[in-house]
Amino acid sequence: MGLGKRIESSVRGLVSRSASDILQWQRGGFTTPPPQAVKISMLANYMESYGLKKFIETGTFRGSTLCHMAKRGYDCMSIELADDLHQAAKRKFASYSNVQLLLGDSGNVLPRILNTLSEPALFWLDGHYSGGPTARADKDTPITTELEAILNHRVEGHVILIDDARLFNGENDYPPLHELLTVISRNGRFRYEVHCDSIHLIPTSKRSLRAA
């Protein structure tokens, strides 16, 4: 089999596996966390719909989400606390000029990024301790600090997606979901939706929307 045929076969296999995962998720009544392909599609749709160019992620992990967004040409930043995962990501993305990798606790690093940010961005907040190779700072998740920093940022028009909505139960440093949504409502700059195991904060200001 020639190189072209091997690549074609590999791509077909990936598409087939994604379709199978999505179908299984659908048959289960969407009650489990969605497949990676669904998350990627969701993020890409927000980037396109709001005309965003910058993607900021907490929790690099294996770099799967970051890779998909970088290949779409977005200006990407990703924060990782675990040094081993950070070093692996540096090797993986060494040839990507549009990817910036940062090592540290995103609760501390993200506010520093925001100090230099002058345009709306999509924030994918998924930096938390989950065992295995992941790392833990003083909390299992810095989500409260992360979200506070973004909600109070001077730039209008950010889109914020928080992964693992099911974990917001008041345990392991996660606030109860209803408390988090109350904070968002009081801020007044975002409306929220909860679906696909993620919390979506959408700007109430339409200034960042791309003209139709």
N, C-alpha and C. Protein backbone atom coordinates (compact mmCIF):
# COMPACT_ATOMS: atom_id res chain seq x y z
N MET A 1 0.85 -1.20 0.00
CA MET A 1 0.00 0.00 0.00
C MET A 1 0.88 1.24 0.00
N GLY A 2 0.62 2.18 -0.94
CA GLY A 2 1.40 3.40 -1.02
C GLY A 2 1.11 4.34 0.13
N LEU A 3 1.97 5.38 0.26
CA LEU A 3 1.83 6.33 1.36
C LEU A 3 0.47 7.02 1.33
N GLY A 4 0.06 7.46 0.13
CA GLY A 4 -1.23 8.15 0.02
C GLY A 4 -2.38 7.28 0.50
N LYS A 5 -2.36 6.00 0.11
CA LYS A 5 -3.42 5.08 0.52
C LYS A 5 -3.40 4.83 2.02
N ARG A 6 -2.19 4.75 2.59
CA ARG A 6 -2.07 4.53 4.04
C ARG A 6 -2.63 5.72 4.81
N ILE A 7 -2.32 6.93 4.35
CA ILE A 7 -2.85 8.13 5.00
C ILE A 7 -4.37 8.16 4.90
N GLU A 8 -4.87 7.87 3.70
CA GLU A 8 -6.32 7.86 3.49
C GLU A 8 -7.00 6.84 4.40
N SER A 9 -6.40 5.66 4.51
CA SER A 9 -6.95 4.62 5.36
C SER A 9 -6.94 5.04 6.82
N SER A 10 -5.85 5.69 7.25
CA SER A 10 -5.74 6.15 8.63
C SER A 10 -6.79 7.19 8.95
N VAL A 11 -6.99 8.14 8.03
CA VAL A 11 -7.99 9.19 8.24
C VAL A 11 -9.38 8.59 8.33
N ARG A 12 -9.67 7.63 7.43
CA ARG A 12 -10.98 6.97 7.47
C ARG A 12 -11.20 6.27 8.80
N GLY A 13 -10.13 5.66 9.33
CA GLY A 13 -10.24 4.98 10.61
C GLY A 13 -10.55 5.94 11.74
N LEU A 14 -9.90 7.11 11.72
CA LEU A 14 -10.15 8.11 12.75
C LEU A 14 -11.58 8.61 12.68
N VAL A 15 -12.04 8.91 11.47
CA VAL A 15 -13.41 9.39 11.29
C VAL A 15 -14.40 8.34 11.74
N SER A 16 -14.12 7.07 11.39
CA SER A 16 -15.01 5.98 11.76
C SER A 16 -15.09 5.82 13.27
N ARG A 17 -13.93 5.91 13.95
CA ARG A 17 -13.93 5.78 15.41
C ARG A 17 -14.68 6.93 16.06
N SER A 18 -14.50 8.15 15.55
CA SER A 18 -15.20 9.31 16.09
C SER A 18 -16.70 9.14 15.93
N ALA A 19 -17.12 8.70 14.73
CA ALA A 19 -18.54 8.50 14.47
C ALA A 19 -19.11 7.43 15.39
N SER A 20 -18.34 6.36 15.61
CA SER A 20 -18.79 5.29 16.49
C SER A 20 -18.94 5.78 17.92
N ASP A 21 -17.96 6.57 18.39
CA ASP A 21 -18.02 7.12 19.75
C ASP A 21 -19.23 8.03 19.92
N ILE A 22 -19.48 8.87 18.92
CA ILE A 22 -20.60 9.80 18.99
C ILE A 22 -21.93 9.05 18.98
N LEU A 23 -22.03 8.03 18.14
CA LEU A 23 -23.25 7.23 18.08
C LEU A 23 -23.51 6.53 19.40
N GLN A 24 -22.46 6.00 20.01
CA GLN A 24 -22.60 5.33 21.30
C GLN A 24 -23.05 6.32 22.37
N TRP A 25 -22.48 7.52 22.33
CA TRP A 25 -22.86 8.58 23.28
C TRP A 25 -24.32 8.95 23.09
N GLN A 26 -24.76 9.05 21.84
CA GLN A 26 -26.14 9.39 21.53
C GLN A 26 -27.09 8.30 22.02
N ARG A 27 -26.72 7.06 21.77
CA ARG A 27 -27.57 5.94 22.19
C ARG A 27 -27.70 5.87 23.71
N GLY A 28 -26.68 6.37 24.41
CA GLY A 28 -26.72 6.40 25.87
C GLY A 28 -27.50 7.56 26.43
N GLY A 29 -28.13 8.33 25.55
CA GLY A 29 -28.95 9.45 26.00
C GLY A 29 -28.16 10.67 26.38
N PHE A 30 -26.92 10.78 25.89
CA PHE A 30 -26.05 11.93 26.18
C PHE A 30 -25.80 12.10 27.68
N THR A 31 -25.84 11.01 28.41
CA THR A 31 -25.71 11.09 29.87
C THR A 31 -24.27 10.98 30.35
N THR A 32 -23.37 10.62 29.47
CA THR A 32 -21.95 10.50 29.83
C THR A 32 -21.18 11.66 29.19
N PRO A 33 -19.95 11.91 29.65
CA PRO A 33 -19.14 12.96 29.01
C PRO A 33 -19.01 12.69 27.51
N PRO A 34 -19.07 13.73 26.69
CA PRO A 34 -19.06 13.54 25.23
C PRO A 34 -17.69 13.11 24.72
N PRO A 35 -17.65 12.49 23.56
CA PRO A 35 -16.37 12.14 22.93
C PRO A 35 -15.56 13.39 22.62
N GLN A 36 -14.26 13.20 22.48
CA GLN A 36 -13.37 14.32 22.19
C GLN A 36 -13.78 15.07 20.93
N ALA A 37 -14.25 14.35 19.92
CA ALA A 37 -14.64 15.00 18.66
C ALA A 37 -15.75 16.01 18.87
N VAL A 38 -16.65 15.73 19.79
CA VAL A 38 -17.75 16.66 20.09
C VAL A 38 -17.20 17.93 20.73
N LYS A 39 -16.27 17.77 21.65
CA LYS A 39 -15.68 18.93 22.32
C LYS A 39 -14.93 19.81 21.32
N ILE A 40 -14.17 19.19 20.45
CA ILE A 40 -13.41 19.95 19.45
C ILE A 40 -14.35 20.72 18.55
N SER A 41 -15.40 20.07 18.09
CA SER A 41 -16.38 20.74 17.23
C SER A 41 -17.02 21.92 17.95
N MET A 42 -17.33 21.73 19.21
CA MET A 42 -17.95 22.77 20.02
C MET A 42 -17.03 23.99 20.14
N LEU A 43 -15.77 23.74 20.44
CA LEU A 43 -14.80 24.83 20.58
C LEU A 43 -14.60 25.56 19.26
N ALA A 44 -14.45 24.80 18.18
CA ALA A 44 -14.23 25.41 16.87
C ALA A 44 -15.42 26.25 16.45
N ASN A 45 -16.62 25.80 16.75
CA ASN A 45 -17.82 26.56 16.40
C ASN A 45 -17.88 27.89 17.13
N TYR A 46 -17.49 27.89 18.40
CA TYR A 46 -17.47 29.16 19.15
C TYR A 46 -16.41 30.10 18.58
N MET A 47 -15.25 29.57 18.27
CA MET A 47 -14.18 30.41 17.70
C MET A 47 -14.66 31.08 16.42
N GLU A 48 -15.31 30.30 15.56
CA GLU A 48 -15.76 30.83 14.28
C GLU A 48 -16.94 31.79 14.46
N SER A 49 -17.90 31.41 15.28
CA SER A 49 -19.11 32.23 15.45
C SER A 49 -18.80 33.60 16.03
N TYR A 50 -17.81 33.65 16.93
CA TYR A 50 -17.49 34.92 17.59
C TYR A 50 -16.27 35.60 16.98
N GLY A 51 -15.75 35.05 15.90
CA GLY A 51 -14.62 35.67 15.23
C GLY A 51 -13.38 35.76 16.09
N LEU A 52 -13.18 34.78 16.96
CA LEU A 52 -12.05 34.80 17.88
C LEU A 52 -10.80 34.22 17.22
N LYS A 53 -9.66 34.76 17.58
CA LYS A 53 -8.38 34.30 17.04
C LYS A 53 -7.49 33.66 18.10
N LYS A 54 -7.81 33.89 19.36
CA LYS A 54 -6.94 33.41 20.45
C LYS A 54 -7.65 32.35 21.27
N PHE A 55 -6.95 31.23 21.48
CA PHE A 55 -7.46 30.10 22.27
C PHE A 55 -6.54 29.92 23.47
N ILE A 56 -7.12 29.98 24.68
CA ILE A 56 -6.35 29.86 25.91
C ILE A 56 -6.90 28.69 26.71
N GLU A 57 -6.02 27.75 27.02
CA GLU A 57 -6.41 26.50 27.66
C GLU A 57 -5.69 26.32 28.99
N THR A 58 -6.41 25.84 29.99
CA THR A 58 -5.75 25.41 31.23
C THR A 58 -5.84 23.89 31.29
N GLY A 59 -4.69 23.26 31.48
CA GLY A 59 -4.63 21.81 31.49
C GLY A 59 -4.26 21.26 30.12
N THR A 60 -2.98 21.32 29.78
CA THR A 60 -2.52 20.84 28.48
C THR A 60 -2.73 19.34 28.33
N PHE A 61 -2.43 18.60 29.39
CA PHE A 61 -2.47 17.14 29.43
C PHE A 61 -1.69 16.56 28.25
N ARG A 62 -2.28 15.74 27.41
CA ARG A 62 -1.56 15.12 26.29
C ARG A 62 -1.53 16.01 25.05
N GLY A 63 -2.21 17.15 25.11
CA GLY A 63 -2.17 18.09 24.00
C GLY A 63 -3.13 17.81 22.87
N SER A 64 -4.12 16.95 23.09
CA SER A 64 -5.05 16.59 22.02
C SER A 64 -5.91 17.77 21.59
N THR A 65 -6.55 18.42 22.55
CA THR A 65 -7.38 19.58 22.22
C THR A 65 -6.54 20.69 21.63
N LEU A 66 -5.41 20.94 22.23
CA LEU A 66 -4.50 21.99 21.76
C LEU A 66 -4.08 21.74 20.32
N CYS A 67 -3.79 20.50 20.00
CA CYS A 67 -3.34 20.15 18.65
C CYS A 67 -4.42 20.48 17.62
N HIS A 68 -5.65 20.12 17.92
CA HIS A 68 -6.74 20.40 16.99
C HIS A 68 -6.92 21.91 16.77
N MET A 69 -6.83 22.68 17.83
CA MET A 69 -7.03 24.12 17.71
C MET A 69 -5.85 24.78 17.00
N ALA A 70 -4.65 24.30 17.29
CA ALA A 70 -3.46 24.87 16.65
C ALA A 70 -3.46 24.60 15.15
N LYS A 71 -3.90 23.41 14.76
CA LYS A 71 -3.94 23.07 13.34
C LYS A 71 -4.95 23.90 12.57
N ARG A 72 -5.89 24.49 13.29
CA ARG A 72 -6.85 25.39 12.65
C ARG A 72 -6.29 26.81 12.50
N GLY A 73 -5.08 27.02 12.98
CA GLY A 73 -4.41 28.30 12.78
C GLY A 73 -4.63 29.32 13.87
N TYR A 74 -5.27 28.94 14.96
CA TYR A 74 -5.50 29.89 16.04
C TYR A 74 -4.22 30.15 16.84
N ASP A 75 -4.15 31.31 17.44
CA ASP A 75 -3.06 31.66 18.35
C ASP A 75 -3.37 30.99 19.69
N CYS A 76 -2.58 30.01 20.07
CA CYS A 76 -2.91 29.16 21.21
C CYS A 76 -1.94 29.32 22.37
N MET A 77 -2.51 29.31 23.58
CA MET A 77 -1.72 29.29 24.81
C MET A 77 -2.28 28.19 25.69
N SER A 78 -1.40 27.43 26.34
CA SER A 78 -1.85 26.34 27.19
C SER A 78 -0.98 26.27 28.45
N ILE A 79 -1.64 26.11 29.58
CA ILE A 79 -0.97 26.08 30.88
C ILE A 79 -1.04 24.66 31.45
N GLU A 80 0.08 24.16 31.93
CA GLU A 80 0.13 22.82 32.52
C GLU A 80 0.95 22.85 33.80
N LEU A 81 0.43 22.21 34.85
CA LEU A 81 1.12 22.17 36.13
C LEU A 81 2.14 21.02 36.22
N ALA A 82 1.84 19.90 35.59
CA ALA A 82 2.74 18.74 35.67
C ALA A 82 3.93 18.92 34.73
N ASP A 83 5.13 18.90 35.28
CA ASP A 83 6.32 19.16 34.47
C ASP A 83 6.51 18.11 33.37
N ASP A 84 6.25 16.84 33.68
CA ASP A 84 6.42 15.79 32.67
C ASP A 84 5.50 16.02 31.47
N LEU A 85 4.25 16.39 31.74
CA LEU A 85 3.30 16.66 30.65
C LEU A 85 3.70 17.91 29.88
N HIS A 86 4.19 18.90 30.61
CA HIS A 86 4.63 20.14 29.96
C HIS A 86 5.81 19.88 29.03
N GLN A 87 6.78 19.10 29.49
CA GLN A 87 7.95 18.80 28.66
C GLN A 87 7.55 17.98 27.43
N ALA A 88 6.63 17.04 27.61
CA ALA A 88 6.15 16.26 26.47
C ALA A 88 5.45 17.15 25.45
N ALA A 89 4.69 18.12 25.95
CA ALA A 89 4.00 19.05 25.05
C ALA A 89 4.99 19.93 24.30
N LYS A 90 6.07 20.32 24.97
CA LYS A 90 7.09 21.13 24.30
C LYS A 90 7.69 20.38 23.12
N ARG A 91 7.90 19.09 23.30
CA ARG A 91 8.43 18.29 22.20
C ARG A 91 7.38 18.14 21.09
N LYS A 92 6.16 17.91 21.48
CA LYS A 92 5.09 17.69 20.51
C LYS A 92 4.83 18.92 19.65
N PHE A 93 4.90 20.10 20.27
CA PHE A 93 4.54 21.33 19.57
C PHE A 93 5.75 22.18 19.20
N ALA A 94 6.92 21.57 19.17
CA ALA A 94 8.15 22.32 18.88
C ALA A 94 8.10 23.04 17.54
N SER A 95 7.39 22.49 16.59
CA SER A 95 7.35 23.09 15.25
C SER A 95 6.18 24.05 15.05
N TYR A 96 5.38 24.26 16.09
CA TYR A 96 4.20 25.12 15.97
C TYR A 96 4.54 26.54 16.43
N SER A 97 4.57 27.47 15.51
CA SER A 97 4.88 28.86 15.87
C SER A 97 3.70 29.56 16.53
N ASN A 98 2.51 28.97 16.44
CA ASN A 98 1.31 29.59 17.00
C ASN A 98 0.91 28.99 18.34
N VAL A 99 1.80 28.23 18.97
CA VAL A 99 1.52 27.62 20.27
C VAL A 99 2.51 28.10 21.31
N GLN A 100 1.99 28.61 22.43
CA GLN A 100 2.82 29.00 23.57
C GLN A 100 2.45 28.14 24.76
N LEU A 101 3.42 27.46 25.33
CA LEU A 101 3.20 26.56 26.46
C LEU A 101 3.76 27.17 27.73
N LEU A 102 2.97 27.13 28.80
CA LEU A 102 3.37 27.73 30.06
C LEU A 102 3.27 26.70 31.18
N LEU A 103 4.28 26.66 32.03
CA LEU A 103 4.33 25.72 33.14
C LEU A 103 3.95 26.43 34.43
N GLY A 104 3.02 25.82 35.19
CA GLY A 104 2.67 26.40 36.48
C GLY A 104 1.21 26.18 36.83
N ASP A 105 0.85 26.67 38.00
CA ASP A 105 -0.53 26.61 38.49
C ASP A 105 -1.35 27.64 37.72
N SER A 106 -2.35 27.20 36.99
CA SER A 106 -3.13 28.12 36.17
C SER A 106 -3.85 29.18 37.00
N GLY A 107 -4.08 28.89 38.27
CA GLY A 107 -4.67 29.90 39.14
C GLY A 107 -3.76 31.10 39.31
N ASN A 108 -2.45 30.89 39.16
CA ASN A 108 -1.47 31.99 39.23
C ASN A 108 -1.06 32.49 37.86
N VAL A 109 -0.94 31.58 36.89
CA VAL A 109 -0.45 31.95 35.57
C VAL A 109 -1.50 32.68 34.75
N LEU A 110 -2.74 32.24 34.83
CA LEU A 110 -3.79 32.85 34.01
C LEU A 110 -3.97 34.34 34.27
N PRO A 111 -3.99 34.81 35.52
CA PRO A 111 -4.08 36.26 35.73
C PRO A 111 -2.95 37.04 35.08
N ARG A 112 -1.75 36.45 35.01
CA ARG A 112 -0.63 37.13 34.36
C ARG A 112 -0.86 37.23 32.85
N ILE A 113 -1.44 36.18 32.28
CA ILE A 113 -1.78 36.24 30.86
C ILE A 113 -2.80 37.34 30.61
N LEU A 114 -3.79 37.40 31.46
CA LEU A 114 -4.85 38.39 31.30
C LEU A 114 -4.32 39.82 31.38
N ASN A 115 -3.28 40.02 32.14
CA ASN A 115 -2.69 41.36 32.25
C ASN A 115 -2.16 41.87 30.92
N THR A 116 -1.82 40.96 30.02
CA THR A 116 -1.27 41.35 28.72
C THR A 116 -2.26 41.15 27.57
N LEU A 117 -3.44 40.64 27.88
CA LEU A 117 -4.41 40.31 26.84
C LEU A 117 -5.28 41.52 26.51
N SER A 118 -5.34 41.88 25.24
CA SER A 118 -6.09 43.07 24.82
C SER A 118 -7.18 42.75 23.80
N GLU A 119 -7.48 41.47 23.60
CA GLU A 119 -8.51 41.08 22.65
C GLU A 119 -9.33 39.94 23.24
N PRO A 120 -10.57 39.76 22.75
CA PRO A 120 -11.38 38.65 23.25
C PRO A 120 -10.75 37.30 22.91
N ALA A 121 -10.96 36.34 23.77
CA ALA A 121 -10.40 35.00 23.56
C ALA A 121 -11.41 33.95 23.97
N LEU A 122 -11.17 32.73 23.52
CA LEU A 122 -11.93 31.60 24.02
C LEU A 122 -11.09 30.91 25.09
N PHE A 123 -11.66 30.75 26.28
CA PHE A 123 -10.98 30.09 27.39
C PHE A 123 -11.58 28.69 27.57
N TRP A 124 -10.73 27.69 27.53
CA TRP A 124 -11.13 26.31 27.78
C TRP A 124 -10.51 25.91 29.11
N LEU A 125 -11.32 25.88 30.16
CA LEU A 125 -10.83 25.66 31.51
C LEU A 125 -10.99 24.18 31.88
N ASP A 126 -9.87 23.49 31.86
CA ASP A 126 -9.87 22.04 32.10
C ASP A 126 -8.64 21.63 32.90
N GLY A 127 -8.09 22.57 33.67
CA GLY A 127 -6.89 22.29 34.45
C GLY A 127 -7.24 21.86 35.86
N HIS A 128 -7.16 20.57 36.12
CA HIS A 128 -7.51 20.07 37.45
C HIS A 128 -6.78 18.76 37.70
N TYR A 129 -6.68 18.40 38.96
CA TYR A 129 -6.04 17.14 39.32
C TYR A 129 -7.01 15.98 39.08
N SER A 130 -6.55 14.96 38.39
CA SER A 130 -7.42 13.80 38.13
C SER A 130 -6.64 12.49 38.24
N GLY A 131 -5.60 12.50 39.08
CA GLY A 131 -4.81 11.29 39.25
C GLY A 131 -3.85 11.07 38.09
N GLY A 132 -3.24 9.90 38.04
CA GLY A 132 -2.33 9.57 36.95
C GLY A 132 -1.19 10.57 36.86
N PRO A 133 -0.88 11.03 35.65
CA PRO A 133 0.25 11.94 35.46
C PRO A 133 -0.05 13.40 35.81
N THR A 134 -1.32 13.70 36.13
CA THR A 134 -1.66 15.09 36.42
C THR A 134 -1.09 15.52 37.77
N ALA A 135 -0.95 16.82 37.95
CA ALA A 135 -0.35 17.36 39.18
C ALA A 135 -1.38 18.14 39.98
N ARG A 136 -1.10 18.27 41.26
CA ARG A 136 -1.99 19.01 42.16
C ARG A 136 -1.21 20.09 42.87
N ALA A 137 -1.76 21.30 42.91
CA ALA A 137 -1.15 22.38 43.68
C ALA A 137 -1.77 22.34 45.08
N ASP A 138 -2.26 23.45 45.57
CA ASP A 138 -2.87 23.44 46.90
C ASP A 138 -4.34 23.03 46.86
N LYS A 139 -4.91 22.90 45.64
CA LYS A 139 -6.29 22.48 45.48
C LYS A 139 -6.39 21.50 44.31
N ASP A 140 -7.47 20.72 44.31
CA ASP A 140 -7.70 19.82 43.18
C ASP A 140 -7.99 20.61 41.90
N THR A 141 -8.63 21.76 42.05
CA THR A 141 -8.95 22.58 40.89
C THR A 141 -8.83 24.06 41.25
N PRO A 142 -8.24 24.86 40.38
CA PRO A 142 -8.14 26.31 40.61
C PRO A 142 -9.28 27.07 39.93
N ILE A 143 -10.38 26.40 39.62
CA ILE A 143 -11.42 26.98 38.78
C ILE A 143 -11.99 28.28 39.35
N THR A 144 -12.15 28.36 40.66
CA THR A 144 -12.72 29.58 41.24
C THR A 144 -11.82 30.78 40.97
N THR A 145 -10.52 30.61 41.16
CA THR A 145 -9.56 31.69 40.91
C THR A 145 -9.49 32.03 39.43
N GLU A 146 -9.45 31.01 38.59
CA GLU A 146 -9.41 31.23 37.14
C GLU A 146 -10.62 32.04 36.68
N LEU A 147 -11.79 31.59 37.09
CA LEU A 147 -13.02 32.22 36.62
C LEU A 147 -13.14 33.65 37.13
N GLU A 148 -12.76 33.88 38.36
CA GLU A 148 -12.81 35.24 38.91
C GLU A 148 -11.94 36.19 38.09
N ALA A 149 -10.77 35.72 37.71
CA ALA A 149 -9.85 36.56 36.93
C ALA A 149 -10.44 36.92 35.57
N ILE A 150 -11.06 35.95 34.91
CA ILE A 150 -11.62 36.21 33.58
C ILE A 150 -12.87 37.08 33.68
N LEU A 151 -13.73 36.80 34.64
CA LEU A 151 -14.97 37.56 34.79
C LEU A 151 -14.70 39.04 35.04
N ASN A 152 -13.59 39.34 35.68
CA ASN A 152 -13.26 40.72 36.01
C ASN A 152 -12.28 41.36 35.03
N HIS A 153 -11.98 40.67 33.95
CA HIS A 153 -11.04 41.21 32.98
C HIS A 153 -11.64 42.40 32.24
N ARG A 154 -10.79 43.34 31.87
CA ARG A 154 -11.25 44.59 31.27
C ARG A 154 -11.79 44.42 29.85
N VAL A 155 -11.38 43.35 29.17
CA VAL A 155 -11.80 43.14 27.77
C VAL A 155 -13.18 42.49 27.73
N GLU A 156 -14.05 43.02 26.90
CA GLU A 156 -15.37 42.44 26.69
C GLU A 156 -15.31 41.39 25.59
N GLY A 157 -16.24 40.45 25.64
CA GLY A 157 -16.41 39.52 24.53
C GLY A 157 -15.73 38.18 24.65
N HIS A 158 -15.16 37.86 25.81
CA HIS A 158 -14.58 36.53 25.98
C HIS A 158 -15.68 35.46 25.94
N VAL A 159 -15.33 34.28 25.47
CA VAL A 159 -16.18 33.10 25.59
C VAL A 159 -15.45 32.13 26.51
N ILE A 160 -16.16 31.60 27.51
CA ILE A 160 -15.53 30.73 28.50
C ILE A 160 -16.26 29.39 28.52
N LEU A 161 -15.52 28.32 28.37
CA LEU A 161 -16.08 26.97 28.49
C LEU A 161 -15.34 26.24 29.61
N ILE A 162 -16.10 25.68 30.52
CA ILE A 162 -15.55 24.95 31.66
C ILE A 162 -15.91 23.48 31.50
N ASP A 163 -14.91 22.63 31.44
CA ASP A 163 -15.17 21.20 31.23
C ASP A 163 -15.58 20.52 32.53
N ASP A 164 -16.15 19.34 32.40
CA ASP A 164 -16.49 18.46 33.54
C ASP A 164 -17.53 19.08 34.46
N ALA A 165 -18.64 19.53 33.89
CA ALA A 165 -19.70 20.15 34.69
C ALA A 165 -20.20 19.21 35.78
N ARG A 166 -20.11 17.92 35.55
CA ARG A 166 -20.61 16.93 36.52
C ARG A 166 -19.86 16.99 37.85
N LEU A 167 -18.64 17.55 37.84
CA LEU A 167 -17.82 17.58 39.05
C LEU A 167 -18.17 18.74 39.99
N PHE A 168 -19.02 19.64 39.55
CA PHE A 168 -19.36 20.80 40.37
C PHE A 168 -20.45 20.44 41.37
N ASN A 169 -20.01 19.75 42.42
CA ASN A 169 -20.92 19.20 43.42
C ASN A 169 -20.56 19.62 44.84
N GLY A 170 -19.64 20.57 44.98
CA GLY A 170 -19.25 21.03 46.31
C GLY A 170 -18.15 20.20 46.95
N GLU A 171 -17.60 19.25 46.22
CA GLU A 171 -16.54 18.40 46.75
C GLU A 171 -15.23 18.62 45.99
N ASN A 172 -14.11 18.28 46.66
CA ASN A 172 -12.78 18.33 46.03
C ASN A 172 -12.47 19.69 45.42
N ASP A 173 -12.84 20.73 46.15
CA ASP A 173 -12.56 22.13 45.77
C ASP A 173 -13.42 22.64 44.62
N TYR A 174 -14.39 21.86 44.17
CA TYR A 174 -15.35 22.35 43.18
C TYR A 174 -16.53 22.99 43.90
N PRO A 175 -16.91 24.21 43.52
CA PRO A 175 -18.11 24.79 44.12
C PRO A 175 -19.35 24.08 43.59
N PRO A 176 -20.44 24.10 44.34
CA PRO A 176 -21.68 23.55 43.80
C PRO A 176 -22.07 24.31 42.53
N LEU A 177 -22.65 23.62 41.59
CA LEU A 177 -22.97 24.25 40.30
C LEU A 177 -23.87 25.46 40.48
N HIS A 178 -24.86 25.36 41.36
CA HIS A 178 -25.79 26.49 41.51
C HIS A 178 -25.08 27.73 42.05
N GLU A 179 -24.07 27.54 42.90
CA GLU A 179 -23.31 28.69 43.41
C GLU A 179 -22.49 29.33 42.30
N LEU A 180 -21.88 28.50 41.47
CA LEU A 180 -21.09 29.02 40.36
C LEU A 180 -21.97 29.81 39.39
N LEU A 181 -23.13 29.28 39.08
CA LEU A 181 -24.03 29.96 38.15
C LEU A 181 -24.56 31.27 38.73
N THR A 182 -24.72 31.32 40.04
CA THR A 182 -25.14 32.56 40.69
C THR A 182 -24.08 33.64 40.54
N VAL A 183 -22.82 33.27 40.71
CA VAL A 183 -21.71 34.21 40.53
C VAL A 183 -21.69 34.74 39.10
N ILE A 184 -21.89 33.86 38.15
CA ILE A 184 -21.91 34.27 36.74
C ILE A 184 -23.05 35.24 36.47
N SER A 185 -24.22 34.92 36.99
CA SER A 185 -25.39 35.78 36.79
C SER A 185 -25.17 37.17 37.38
N ARG A 186 -24.58 37.23 38.54
CA ARG A 186 -24.35 38.52 39.20
C ARG A 186 -23.34 39.37 38.45
N ASN A 187 -22.43 38.72 37.76
CA ASN A 187 -21.43 39.46 36.99
C ASN A 187 -22.09 40.27 35.88
N GLY A 188 -23.11 39.71 35.25
CA GLY A 188 -23.89 40.44 34.27
C GLY A 188 -23.31 40.52 32.87
N ARG A 189 -22.09 40.06 32.67
CA ARG A 189 -21.45 40.17 31.35
C ARG A 189 -21.59 38.89 30.53
N PHE A 190 -22.14 37.86 31.15
CA PHE A 190 -22.28 36.57 30.47
C PHE A 190 -23.63 35.95 30.76
N ARG A 191 -24.13 35.22 29.79
CA ARG A 191 -25.22 34.29 30.04
C ARG A 191 -24.61 32.89 30.02
N TYR A 192 -25.29 31.94 30.58
CA TYR A 192 -24.70 30.61 30.68
C TYR A 192 -25.63 29.53 30.15
N GLU A 193 -25.02 28.46 29.73
CA GLU A 193 -25.70 27.23 29.34
C GLU A 193 -24.89 26.08 29.90
N VAL A 194 -25.56 25.00 30.23
CA VAL A 194 -24.87 23.79 30.70
C VAL A 194 -25.31 22.62 29.84
N HIS A 195 -24.40 22.10 29.05
CA HIS A 195 -24.69 20.92 28.24
C HIS A 195 -23.37 20.28 27.81
N CYS A 196 -23.46 19.04 27.35
CA CYS A 196 -22.28 18.27 26.93
C CYS A 196 -21.22 18.23 28.03
N ASP A 197 -21.68 18.12 29.29
CA ASP A 197 -20.79 18.03 30.45
C ASP A 197 -19.87 19.24 30.55
N SER A 198 -20.31 20.38 30.07
CA SER A 198 -19.50 21.60 30.17
C SER A 198 -20.40 22.80 30.43
N ILE A 199 -19.80 23.81 31.04
CA ILE A 199 -20.50 25.05 31.36
C ILE A 199 -20.05 26.10 30.36
N HIS A 200 -21.00 26.70 29.67
CA HIS A 200 -20.70 27.65 28.60
C HIS A 200 -21.06 29.06 29.06
N LEU A 201 -20.09 29.94 29.08
CA LEU A 201 -20.32 31.35 29.41
C LEU A 201 -20.19 32.15 28.13
N ILE A 202 -21.30 32.73 27.72
CA ILE A 202 -21.39 33.42 26.44
C ILE A 202 -21.58 34.90 26.70
N PRO A 203 -20.81 35.77 26.05
CA PRO A 203 -20.89 37.20 26.35
C PRO A 203 -22.25 37.79 25.98
N THR A 204 -22.77 38.62 26.86
CA THR A 204 -24.03 39.31 26.57
C THR A 204 -23.80 40.44 25.58
N SER A 205 -22.58 40.98 25.55
CA SER A 205 -22.23 42.00 24.57
C SER A 205 -22.09 41.36 23.21
N LYS A 206 -22.65 41.98 22.20
CA LYS A 206 -22.59 41.43 20.85
C LYS A 206 -21.46 42.06 20.04
N ARG A 207 -20.66 42.89 20.67
CA ARG A 207 -19.61 43.59 19.92
C ARG A 207 -18.59 42.64 19.33
N SER A 208 -18.41 41.47 19.96
CA SER A 208 -17.39 40.54 19.49
C SER A 208 -17.91 39.58 18.44
N LEU A 209 -19.23 39.59 18.19
CA LEU A 209 -19.78 38.67 17.21
C LEU A 209 -19.34 39.05 15.81
N ARG A 210 -18.96 38.06 15.03
CA ARG A 210 -18.56 38.31 13.66
C ARG A 210 -19.80 38.67 12.84
N ALA A 211 -19.66 39.64 11.99
CA ALA A 211 -20.79 40.06 11.17
C ALA A 211 -21.23 38.91 10.28
N ALA A 212 -22.53 38.73 10.18
CA ALA A 212 -23.06 37.63 9.37
C ALA A 212 -22.91 37.94 7.89
